[in-house]
Amino acid sequence: MKQNPFRQLILGIYGLIILLPLSLVLLTTFKTTPELYSNPIGLPAGWNIENYKQLLVNEPIFGYIKNSVIVTVFSTFFILWFSSMIAYAIIQLPQKLGWIVYGFFVCGMIVPTQVNMIPVFLLMNKLGLVNTLTGVIIVSISFLLPIGVFIITGFMKTLPRELFEAARMDGASEWKIYSKIALRLSIPSMATVGIFSFVIVWNDLLFPLLLLKSKEVKTLPIALLDFQGEFLTNYPMLFSAVVLSSIPLLIAYVFLQKHFISGMTSGALK
């Protein structure tokens, strides 16, 4: 197949636009604050790893990472579990009723999360879940569940109904049909929702900042704010923390990337 030079040029320019800021962030982590201000875009004078050492030794970075991992893993797990069960129920309901339930969840994608900040805080406060990781997990699930239902339902609708009917004729229960057939065939859409939810929850600042107060339960995005002062920001330290916080996202994407594109196209377009 003949290569399109114009397309390759556009992709190359796009790659540079993405790569240059990432390279600057990575290079900044090896600089001191005075060196950054004197030479912001040049190579560091020496490959200084003191910023990483200070983060790993003097700062409670592992505690923040642990809190973020707990919130992200539990939120993503329950989003996938609930979304897949709801999606399976929607495709098994009568068509009109299924569309009503489906539309109800799609409407949840319309309202911006910022609009619900005060009601969410008041509700979590009444439930005694303010300043707890459980409260952040519940809120994250509730706001990302509609997107998960939207993508997985779109994918499950493309599955042949004959598979479900044949399983029922063989005496399989609904739970077995869901777990052994629908769930396994929906792995591409599940991977898409998993990556999307993982990235959103891991990087979320709004709800942790709204609900978490004490240092012991802070997540990593909130901890990054500690490197910003009123008159001076320690950018090398801040960027070093950003690099460390990006590692779990890269690992998750490497393992799930082969399902990502197929899940997006099948779940959102069909």
C-alpha atoms as a PDB file:
ATOM      1  CA  MET A   1       0.000   0.000   0.000  1.00  0.00           C
ATOM      2  CA  LYS A   2       1.377   3.375  -1.112  1.00  0.00           C
ATOM      3  CA  GLN A   3       2.272   5.805   1.647  1.00  0.00           C
ATOM      4  CA  ASN A   4       0.719   9.257   1.600  1.00  0.00           C
ATOM      5  CA  PRO A   5       3.531  11.843   2.114  1.00  0.00           C
ATOM      6  CA  PHE A   6       1.090  14.559   3.166  1.00  0.00           C
ATOM      7  CA  ARG A   7      -0.471  12.306   5.773  1.00  0.00           C
ATOM      8  CA  GLN A   8       2.951  11.326   7.095  1.00  0.00           C
ATOM      9  CA  LEU A   9       3.913  15.007   7.320  1.00  0.00           C
ATOM     10  CA  ILE A  10       0.780  15.857   9.301  1.00  0.00           C
ATOM     11  CA  LEU A  11       1.322  12.901  11.644  1.00  0.00           C
ATOM     12  CA  GLY A  12       4.969  13.920  12.102  1.00  0.00           C
ATOM     13  CA  ILE A  13       4.005  17.490  13.000  1.00  0.00           C
ATOM     14  CA  TYR A  14       1.359  16.201  15.400  1.00  0.00           C
ATOM     15  CA  GLY A  15       3.912  13.872  16.992  1.00  0.00           C
ATOM     16  CA  LEU A  16       6.316  16.788  17.531  1.00  0.00           C
ATOM     17  CA  ILE A  17       3.551  18.887  19.095  1.00  0.00           C
ATOM     18  CA  ILE A  18       2.953  16.078  21.603  1.00  0.00           C
ATOM     19  CA  LEU A  19       6.597  15.127  22.123  1.00  0.00           C
ATOM     20  CA  LEU A  20       8.137  18.560  22.713  1.00  0.00           C
ATOM     21  CA  PRO A  21       6.129  19.491  25.869  1.00  0.00           C
ATOM     22  CA  LEU A  22       6.676  15.994  27.288  1.00  0.00           C
ATOM     23  CA  SER A  23      10.410  16.284  26.665  1.00  0.00           C
ATOM     24  CA  LEU A  24      10.539  19.678  28.408  1.00  0.00           C
ATOM     25  CA  VAL A  25       8.720  18.255  31.429  1.00  0.00           C
ATOM     26  CA  LEU A  26      11.128  15.317  31.636  1.00  0.00           C
ATOM     27  CA  LEU A  27      14.224  17.502  31.240  1.00  0.00           C
ATOM     28  CA  THR A  28      12.962  19.928  33.900  1.00  0.00           C
ATOM     29  CA  THR A  29      12.934  17.133  36.480  1.00  0.00           C
ATOM     30  CA  PHE A  30      16.748  17.005  36.275  1.00  0.00           C
ATOM     31  CA  LYS A  31      17.190  20.743  36.922  1.00  0.00           C
ATOM     32  CA  THR A  32      17.249  22.911  40.023  1.00  0.00           C
ATOM     33  CA  THR A  33      14.840  25.833  40.360  1.00  0.00           C
ATOM     34  CA  PRO A  34      17.512  28.519  39.643  1.00  0.00           C
ATOM     35  CA  GLU A  35      18.717  26.519  36.621  1.00  0.00           C
ATOM     36  CA  LEU A  36      15.161  26.248  35.309  1.00  0.00           C
ATOM     37  CA  TYR A  37      14.652  30.014  35.390  1.00  0.00           C
ATOM     38  CA  SER A  38      18.056  30.698  33.812  1.00  0.00           C
ATOM     39  CA  ASN A  39      17.776  27.973  31.146  1.00  0.00           C
ATOM     40  CA  PRO A  40      14.104  26.927  30.820  1.00  0.00           C
ATOM     41  CA  ILE A  41      14.237  25.018  27.513  1.00  0.00           C
ATOM     42  CA  GLY A  42      17.858  23.867  27.330  1.00  0.00           C
ATOM     43  CA  LEU A  43      19.454  20.629  28.466  1.00  0.00           C
ATOM     44  CA  PRO A  44      20.262  20.361  32.189  1.00  0.00           C
ATOM     45  CA  ALA A  45      23.835  21.108  33.216  1.00  0.00           C
ATOM     46  CA  GLY A  46      23.963  17.743  34.961  1.00  0.00           C
ATOM     47  CA  TRP A  47      21.567  14.831  35.243  1.00  0.00           C
ATOM     48  CA  ASN A  48      20.582  15.667  38.796  1.00  0.00           C
ATOM     49  CA  ILE A  49      18.188  13.151  40.385  1.00  0.00           C
ATOM     50  CA  GLU A  50      17.850  15.005  43.696  1.00  0.00           C
ATOM     51  CA  ASN A  51      14.238  15.915  42.907  1.00  0.00           C
ATOM     52  CA  TYR A  52      13.307  12.241  42.651  1.00  0.00           C
ATOM     53  CA  LYS A  53      15.329  11.405  45.754  1.00  0.00           C
ATOM     54  CA  GLN A  54      13.572  14.082  47.792  1.00  0.00           C
ATOM     55  CA  LEU A  55      10.170  12.904  46.597  1.00  0.00           C
ATOM     56  CA  LEU A  56      10.870   9.273  47.426  1.00  0.00           C
ATOM     57  CA  VAL A  57      12.707   9.860  50.720  1.00  0.00           C
ATOM     58  CA  ASN A  58      11.581  13.140  52.291  1.00  0.00           C
ATOM     59  CA  GLU A  59       8.042  13.448  50.953  1.00  0.00           C
ATOM     60  CA  PRO A  60       5.193  11.014  51.779  1.00  0.00           C
ATOM     61  CA  ILE A  61       4.761  10.378  48.056  1.00  0.00           C
ATOM     62  CA  PHE A  62       4.103   6.653  48.530  1.00  0.00           C
ATOM     63  CA  GLY A  63       1.211   7.425  50.867  1.00  0.00           C
ATOM     64  CA  TYR A  64      -0.349   9.682  48.247  1.00  0.00           C
ATOM     65  CA  ILE A  65       0.225   7.064  45.555  1.00  0.00           C
ATOM     66  CA  LYS A  66      -1.365   4.393  47.761  1.00  0.00           C
ATOM     67  CA  ASN A  67      -4.466   6.535  48.289  1.00  0.00           C
ATOM     68  CA  SER A  68      -4.732   7.227  44.555  1.00  0.00           C
ATOM     69  CA  VAL A  69      -4.315   3.533  43.761  1.00  0.00           C
ATOM     70  CA  ILE A  70      -7.067   2.576  46.217  1.00  0.00           C
ATOM     71  CA  VAL A  71      -9.503   5.147  44.846  1.00  0.00           C
ATOM     72  CA  THR A  72      -8.690   4.415  41.199  1.00  0.00           C
ATOM     73  CA  VAL A  73      -8.668   0.607  41.364  1.00  0.00           C
ATOM     74  CA  PHE A  74     -11.888   0.274  43.368  1.00  0.00           C
ATOM     75  CA  SER A  75     -13.680   2.942  41.319  1.00  0.00           C
ATOM     76  CA  THR A  76     -12.648   1.369  38.002  1.00  0.00           C
ATOM     77  CA  PHE A  77     -13.575  -2.136  39.172  1.00  0.00           C
ATOM     78  CA  PHE A  78     -17.081  -1.176  40.287  1.00  0.00           C
ATOM     79  CA  ILE A  79     -17.652   1.038  37.227  1.00  0.00           C
ATOM     80  CA  LEU A  80     -16.868  -1.939  34.983  1.00  0.00           C
ATOM     81  CA  TRP A  81     -18.936  -4.347  37.063  1.00  0.00           C
ATOM     82  CA  PHE A  82     -22.035  -2.169  37.354  1.00  0.00           C
ATOM     83  CA  SER A  83     -21.820  -0.875  33.773  1.00  0.00           C
ATOM     84  CA  SER A  84     -21.591  -4.354  32.278  1.00  0.00           C
ATOM     85  CA  MET A  85     -24.506  -5.679  34.349  1.00  0.00           C
ATOM     86  CA  ILE A  86     -26.679  -2.675  33.485  1.00  0.00           C
ATOM     87  CA  ALA A  87     -25.733  -2.951  29.803  1.00  0.00           C
ATOM     88  CA  TYR A  88     -26.661  -6.649  29.762  1.00  0.00           C
ATOM     89  CA  ALA A  89     -29.987  -5.892  31.449  1.00  0.00           C
ATOM     90  CA  ILE A  90     -30.736  -3.142  28.903  1.00  0.00           C
ATOM     91  CA  ILE A  91     -30.228  -5.403  25.876  1.00  0.00           C
ATOM     92  CA  GLN A  92     -32.389  -8.124  27.455  1.00  0.00           C
ATOM     93  CA  LEU A  93     -35.295  -5.816  28.309  1.00  0.00           C
ATOM     94  CA  PRO A  94     -38.145  -5.213  25.838  1.00  0.00           C
ATOM     95  CA  GLN A  95     -37.010  -2.659  23.260  1.00  0.00           C
ATOM     96  CA  LYS A  96     -39.030   0.333  24.498  1.00  0.00           C
ATOM     97  CA  LEU A  97     -38.242  -0.254  28.156  1.00  0.00           C
ATOM     98  CA  GLY A  98     -34.587  -0.834  27.301  1.00  0.00           C
ATOM     99  CA  TRP A  99     -34.406   2.498  25.455  1.00  0.00           C
ATOM    100  CA  ILE A 100     -35.988   4.286  28.439  1.00  0.00           C
ATOM    101  CA  VAL A 101     -33.413   2.847  30.862  1.00  0.00           C
ATOM    102  CA  TYR A 102     -30.611   3.520  28.374  1.00  0.00           C
ATOM    103  CA  GLY A 103     -31.789   7.119  27.913  1.00  0.00           C
ATOM    104  CA  PHE A 104     -31.879   7.603  31.673  1.00  0.00           C
ATOM    105  CA  PHE A 105     -28.175   6.805  31.925  1.00  0.00           C
ATOM    106  CA  VAL A 106     -27.291   8.823  28.825  1.00  0.00           C
ATOM    107  CA  CYS A 107     -28.940  11.844  30.465  1.00  0.00           C
ATOM    108  CA  GLY A 108     -26.412  11.455  33.265  1.00  0.00           C
ATOM    109  CA  MET A 109     -23.688  12.425  30.784  1.00  0.00           C
ATOM    110  CA  ILE A 110     -25.333  15.773  30.042  1.00  0.00           C
ATOM    111  CA  VAL A 111     -25.087  17.454  33.449  1.00  0.00           C
ATOM    112  CA  PRO A 112     -21.569  18.864  34.167  1.00  0.00           C
ATOM    113  CA  THR A 113     -19.993  17.508  37.328  1.00  0.00           C
ATOM    114  CA  GLN A 114     -19.218  21.009  38.604  1.00  0.00           C
ATOM    115  CA  VAL A 115     -22.945  21.757  38.859  1.00  0.00           C
ATOM    116  CA  ASN A 116     -23.339  19.031  41.486  1.00  0.00           C
ATOM    117  CA  MET A 117     -20.482  20.036  43.769  1.00  0.00           C
ATOM    118  CA  ILE A 118     -22.627  21.500  46.565  1.00  0.00           C
ATOM    119  CA  PRO A 119     -25.275  18.701  46.560  1.00  0.00           C
ATOM    120  CA  VAL A 120     -22.534  16.066  46.501  1.00  0.00           C
ATOM    121  CA  PHE A 121     -20.717  17.616  49.440  1.00  0.00           C
ATOM    122  CA  LEU A 122     -23.922  17.976  51.467  1.00  0.00           C
ATOM    123  CA  LEU A 123     -24.927  14.377  50.758  1.00  0.00           C
ATOM    124  CA  MET A 124     -21.502  12.972  51.619  1.00  0.00           C
ATOM    125  CA  ASN A 125     -21.430  15.096  54.769  1.00  0.00           C
ATOM    126  CA  LYS A 126     -24.783  13.705  55.909  1.00  0.00           C
ATOM    127  CA  LEU A 127     -23.574  10.174  55.230  1.00  0.00           C
ATOM    128  CA  GLY A 128     -20.376  10.819  57.203  1.00  0.00           C
ATOM    129  CA  LEU A 129     -18.199  10.125  54.171  1.00  0.00           C
ATOM    130  CA  VAL A 130     -16.381  13.467  53.970  1.00  0.00           C
ATOM    131  CA  ASN A 131     -12.608  13.090  54.391  1.00  0.00           C
ATOM    132  CA  THR A 132     -12.784   9.375  53.499  1.00  0.00           C
ATOM    133  CA  LEU A 133     -11.571   7.520  50.445  1.00  0.00           C
ATOM    134  CA  THR A 134     -14.879   5.647  50.394  1.00  0.00           C
ATOM    135  CA  GLY A 135     -16.736   8.887  49.711  1.00  0.00           C
ATOM    136  CA  VAL A 136     -14.482   9.727  46.758  1.00  0.00           C
ATOM    137  CA  ILE A 137     -14.905   6.196  45.367  1.00  0.00           C
ATOM    138  CA  ILE A 138     -18.714   6.391  45.558  1.00  0.00           C
ATOM    139  CA  VAL A 139     -18.802   9.801  43.881  1.00  0.00           C
ATOM    140  CA  SER A 140     -16.376   8.709  41.144  1.00  0.00           C
ATOM    141  CA  ILE A 141     -18.488   5.639  40.380  1.00  0.00           C
ATOM    142  CA  SER A 142     -21.727   7.625  40.221  1.00  0.00           C
ATOM    143  CA  PHE A 143     -20.356  10.201  37.767  1.00  0.00           C
ATOM    144  CA  LEU A 144     -18.551   7.777  35.424  1.00  0.00           C
ATOM    145  CA  LEU A 145     -21.183   5.039  35.403  1.00  0.00           C
ATOM    146  CA  PRO A 146     -23.290   6.640  32.595  1.00  0.00           C
ATOM    147  CA  ILE A 147     -20.290   6.719  30.236  1.00  0.00           C
ATOM    148  CA  GLY A 148     -19.537   3.073  30.981  1.00  0.00           C
ATOM    149  CA  VAL A 149     -23.158   2.076  30.340  1.00  0.00           C
ATOM    150  CA  PHE A 150     -23.177   4.078  27.098  1.00  0.00           C
ATOM    151  CA  ILE A 151     -20.071   2.397  25.649  1.00  0.00           C
ATOM    152  CA  ILE A 152     -20.671  -1.182  26.838  1.00  0.00           C
ATOM    153  CA  THR A 153     -24.367  -1.163  25.869  1.00  0.00           C
ATOM    154  CA  GLY A 154     -23.452  -0.025  22.370  1.00  0.00           C
ATOM    155  CA  PHE A 155     -21.039  -2.934  22.076  1.00  0.00           C
ATOM    156  CA  MET A 156     -23.359  -5.579  23.556  1.00  0.00           C
ATOM    157  CA  LYS A 157     -26.104  -4.575  21.118  1.00  0.00           C
ATOM    158  CA  THR A 158     -23.879  -5.855  18.302  1.00  0.00           C
ATOM    159  CA  LEU A 159     -23.616  -9.342  19.834  1.00  0.00           C
ATOM    160  CA  PRO A 160     -25.768 -12.000  18.103  1.00  0.00           C
ATOM    161  CA  ARG A 161     -28.885 -12.740  20.141  1.00  0.00           C
ATOM    162  CA  GLU A 162     -28.765 -16.311  18.896  1.00  0.00           C
ATOM    163  CA  LEU A 163     -25.865 -16.926  21.301  1.00  0.00           C
ATOM    164  CA  PHE A 164     -28.013 -15.977  24.285  1.00  0.00           C
ATOM    165  CA  GLU A 165     -31.002 -17.976  23.051  1.00  0.00           C
ATOM    166  CA  ALA A 166     -28.868 -21.057  22.461  1.00  0.00           C
ATOM    167  CA  ALA A 167     -27.407 -20.784  25.969  1.00  0.00           C
ATOM    168  CA  ARG A 168     -30.907 -20.519  27.469  1.00  0.00           C
ATOM    169  CA  MET A 169     -32.028 -23.610  25.554  1.00  0.00           C
ATOM    170  CA  ASP A 170     -29.063 -25.455  27.052  1.00  0.00           C
ATOM    171  CA  GLY A 171     -30.310 -24.498  30.520  1.00  0.00           C
ATOM    172  CA  ALA A 172     -27.820 -21.750  31.319  1.00  0.00           C
ATOM    173  CA  SER A 173     -28.898 -19.177  33.916  1.00  0.00           C
ATOM    174  CA  GLU A 174     -28.919 -15.441  33.192  1.00  0.00           C
ATOM    175  CA  TRP A 175     -25.883 -14.987  35.429  1.00  0.00           C
ATOM    176  CA  LYS A 176     -23.983 -17.657  33.497  1.00  0.00           C
ATOM    177  CA  ILE A 177     -24.974 -16.122  30.143  1.00  0.00           C
ATOM    178  CA  TYR A 178     -23.838 -12.710  31.380  1.00  0.00           C
ATOM    179  CA  SER A 179     -20.537 -13.860  32.878  1.00  0.00           C
ATOM    180  CA  LYS A 180     -19.522 -16.556  30.373  1.00  0.00           C
ATOM    181  CA  ILE A 181     -20.799 -15.079  27.100  1.00  0.00           C
ATOM    182  CA  ALA A 182     -21.724 -11.389  27.202  1.00  0.00           C
ATOM    183  CA  LEU A 183     -18.878 -10.353  29.487  1.00  0.00           C
ATOM    184  CA  ARG A 184     -16.164 -12.281  27.668  1.00  0.00           C
ATOM    185  CA  LEU A 185     -17.248 -11.071  24.247  1.00  0.00           C
ATOM    186  CA  SER A 186     -17.357  -7.480  25.509  1.00  0.00           C
ATOM    187  CA  ILE A 187     -13.692  -7.350  26.558  1.00  0.00           C
ATOM    188  CA  PRO A 188     -12.781  -4.621  23.973  1.00  0.00           C
ATOM    189  CA  SER A 189     -15.466  -2.254  25.283  1.00  0.00           C
ATOM    190  CA  MET A 190     -14.595  -3.152  28.883  1.00  0.00           C
ATOM    191  CA  ALA A 191     -10.957  -2.282  28.188  1.00  0.00           C
ATOM    192  CA  THR A 192     -12.022   1.063  26.715  1.00  0.00           C
ATOM    193  CA  VAL A 193     -14.145   1.930  29.746  1.00  0.00           C
ATOM    194  CA  GLY A 194     -11.413   0.660  32.062  1.00  0.00           C
ATOM    195  CA  ILE A 195      -8.698   2.855  30.528  1.00  0.00           C
ATOM    196  CA  PHE A 196     -10.981   5.869  30.366  1.00  0.00           C
ATOM    197  CA  SER A 197     -12.155   5.473  33.979  1.00  0.00           C
ATOM    198  CA  PHE A 198      -8.639   4.780  35.249  1.00  0.00           C
ATOM    199  CA  VAL A 199      -7.246   7.941  33.662  1.00  0.00           C
ATOM    200  CA  ILE A 200     -10.133  10.170  34.782  1.00  0.00           C
ATOM    201  CA  VAL A 201     -10.166   8.953  38.395  1.00  0.00           C
ATOM    202  CA  TRP A 202      -6.362   8.930  38.718  1.00  0.00           C
ATOM    203  CA  ASN A 203      -6.094  12.535  37.524  1.00  0.00           C
ATOM    204  CA  ASP A 204      -9.258  13.795  39.223  1.00  0.00           C
ATOM    205  CA  LEU A 205      -8.684  16.865  41.369  1.00  0.00           C
ATOM    206  CA  LEU A 206     -12.217  18.214  41.788  1.00  0.00           C
ATOM    207  CA  PHE A 207     -13.864  15.675  44.080  1.00  0.00           C
ATOM    208  CA  PRO A 208     -10.793  14.748  46.160  1.00  0.00           C
ATOM    209  CA  LEU A 209     -10.212  18.471  46.724  1.00  0.00           C
ATOM    210  CA  LEU A 210     -13.880  18.867  47.665  1.00  0.00           C
ATOM    211  CA  LEU A 211     -14.125  15.865  50.009  1.00  0.00           C
ATOM    212  CA  LEU A 212     -10.632  15.159  51.384  1.00  0.00           C
ATOM    213  CA  LYS A 213      -9.176  17.429  54.057  1.00  0.00           C
ATOM    214  CA  SER A 214      -6.515  15.633  56.101  1.00  0.00           C
ATOM    215  CA  LYS A 215      -3.052  14.811  54.786  1.00  0.00           C
ATOM    216  CA  GLU A 216      -3.421  11.088  55.507  1.00  0.00           C
ATOM    217  CA  VAL A 217      -6.159  10.606  52.879  1.00  0.00           C
ATOM    218  CA  LYS A 218      -4.912  12.998  50.204  1.00  0.00           C
ATOM    219  CA  THR A 219      -4.601  11.622  46.693  1.00  0.00           C
ATOM    220  CA  LEU A 220      -1.716  12.387  44.367  1.00  0.00           C
ATOM    221  CA  PRO A 221      -3.353  15.261  42.402  1.00  0.00           C
ATOM    222  CA  ILE A 222      -4.014  17.137  45.655  1.00  0.00           C
ATOM    223  CA  ALA A 223      -0.462  16.486  46.829  1.00  0.00           C
ATOM    224  CA  LEU A 224       0.887  18.140  43.670  1.00  0.00           C
ATOM    225  CA  LEU A 225      -0.655  21.397  44.840  1.00  0.00           C
ATOM    226  CA  ASP A 226       1.720  21.407  47.832  1.00  0.00           C
ATOM    227  CA  PHE A 227       4.607  22.237  45.491  1.00  0.00           C
ATOM    228  CA  GLN A 228       2.930  25.486  44.453  1.00  0.00           C
ATOM    229  CA  GLY A 229       3.658  28.444  46.727  1.00  0.00           C
ATOM    230  CA  GLU A 230       2.168  31.924  46.862  1.00  0.00           C
ATOM    231  CA  PHE A 231       5.270  33.589  45.416  1.00  0.00           C
ATOM    232  CA  LEU A 232       7.385  30.702  44.091  1.00  0.00           C
ATOM    233  CA  THR A 233       6.578  27.291  42.638  1.00  0.00           C
ATOM    234  CA  ASN A 234       9.070  24.441  42.763  1.00  0.00           C
ATOM    235  CA  TYR A 235       8.537  23.364  39.151  1.00  0.00           C
ATOM    236  CA  PRO A 236      11.337  20.740  39.016  1.00  0.00           C
ATOM    237  CA  MET A 237       9.860  18.991  42.045  1.00  0.00           C
ATOM    238  CA  LEU A 238       6.327  19.396  40.696  1.00  0.00           C
ATOM    239  CA  PHE A 239       7.250  17.957  37.300  1.00  0.00           C
ATOM    240  CA  SER A 240       9.105  15.078  38.967  1.00  0.00           C
ATOM    241  CA  ALA A 241       5.942  14.196  40.867  1.00  0.00           C
ATOM    242  CA  VAL A 242       3.952  14.441  37.623  1.00  0.00           C
ATOM    243  CA  VAL A 243       6.343  11.998  35.924  1.00  0.00           C
ATOM    244  CA  LEU A 244       6.024   9.525  38.799  1.00  0.00           C
ATOM    245  CA  SER A 245       2.236   9.853  38.792  1.00  0.00           C
ATOM    246  CA  SER A 246       2.137   9.079  35.054  1.00  0.00           C
ATOM    247  CA  ILE A 247       3.835   5.694  35.375  1.00  0.00           C
ATOM    248  CA  PRO A 248       0.690   3.735  36.442  1.00  0.00           C
ATOM    249  CA  LEU A 249      -1.238   5.241  33.516  1.00  0.00           C
ATOM    250  CA  LEU A 250       1.445   4.135  31.061  1.00  0.00           C
ATOM    251  CA  ILE A 251       1.458   0.615  32.522  1.00  0.00           C
ATOM    252  CA  ALA A 252      -2.342   0.355  32.289  1.00  0.00           C
ATOM    253  CA  TYR A 253      -2.371   1.578  28.701  1.00  0.00           C
ATOM    254  CA  VAL A 254       0.421  -0.787  27.590  1.00  0.00           C
ATOM    255  CA  PHE A 255      -1.539  -3.819  28.812  1.00  0.00           C
ATOM    256  CA  LEU A 256      -4.924  -2.699  27.430  1.00  0.00           C
ATOM    257  CA  GLN A 257      -4.031  -0.752  24.289  1.00  0.00           C
ATOM    258  CA  LYS A 258      -4.839  -3.586  21.852  1.00  0.00           C
ATOM    259  CA  HIS A 259      -8.488  -3.468  22.959  1.00  0.00           C
ATOM    260  CA  PHE A 260      -8.815   0.304  23.114  1.00  0.00           C
ATOM    261  CA  ILE A 261      -9.487   1.235  19.464  1.00  0.00           C
ATOM    262  CA  SER A 262     -11.775  -1.710  18.734  1.00  0.00           C
ATOM    263  CA  GLY A 263     -13.767  -1.007  21.882  1.00  0.00           C
ATOM    264  CA  MET A 264     -14.218   2.652  21.026  1.00  0.00           C
ATOM    265  CA  THR A 265     -15.371   2.015  17.470  1.00  0.00           C
ATOM    266  CA  SER A 266     -17.664  -0.895  18.273  1.00  0.00           C
ATOM    267  CA  GLY A 267     -19.074   0.537  21.504  1.00  0.00           C
ATOM    268  CA  ALA A 268     -19.632   4.130  20.474  1.00  0.00           C
ATOM    269  CA  LEU A 269     -20.432   3.968  16.772  1.00  0.00           C
ATOM    270  CA  LYS A 270     -22.498   0.834  16.248  1.00  0.00           C
END
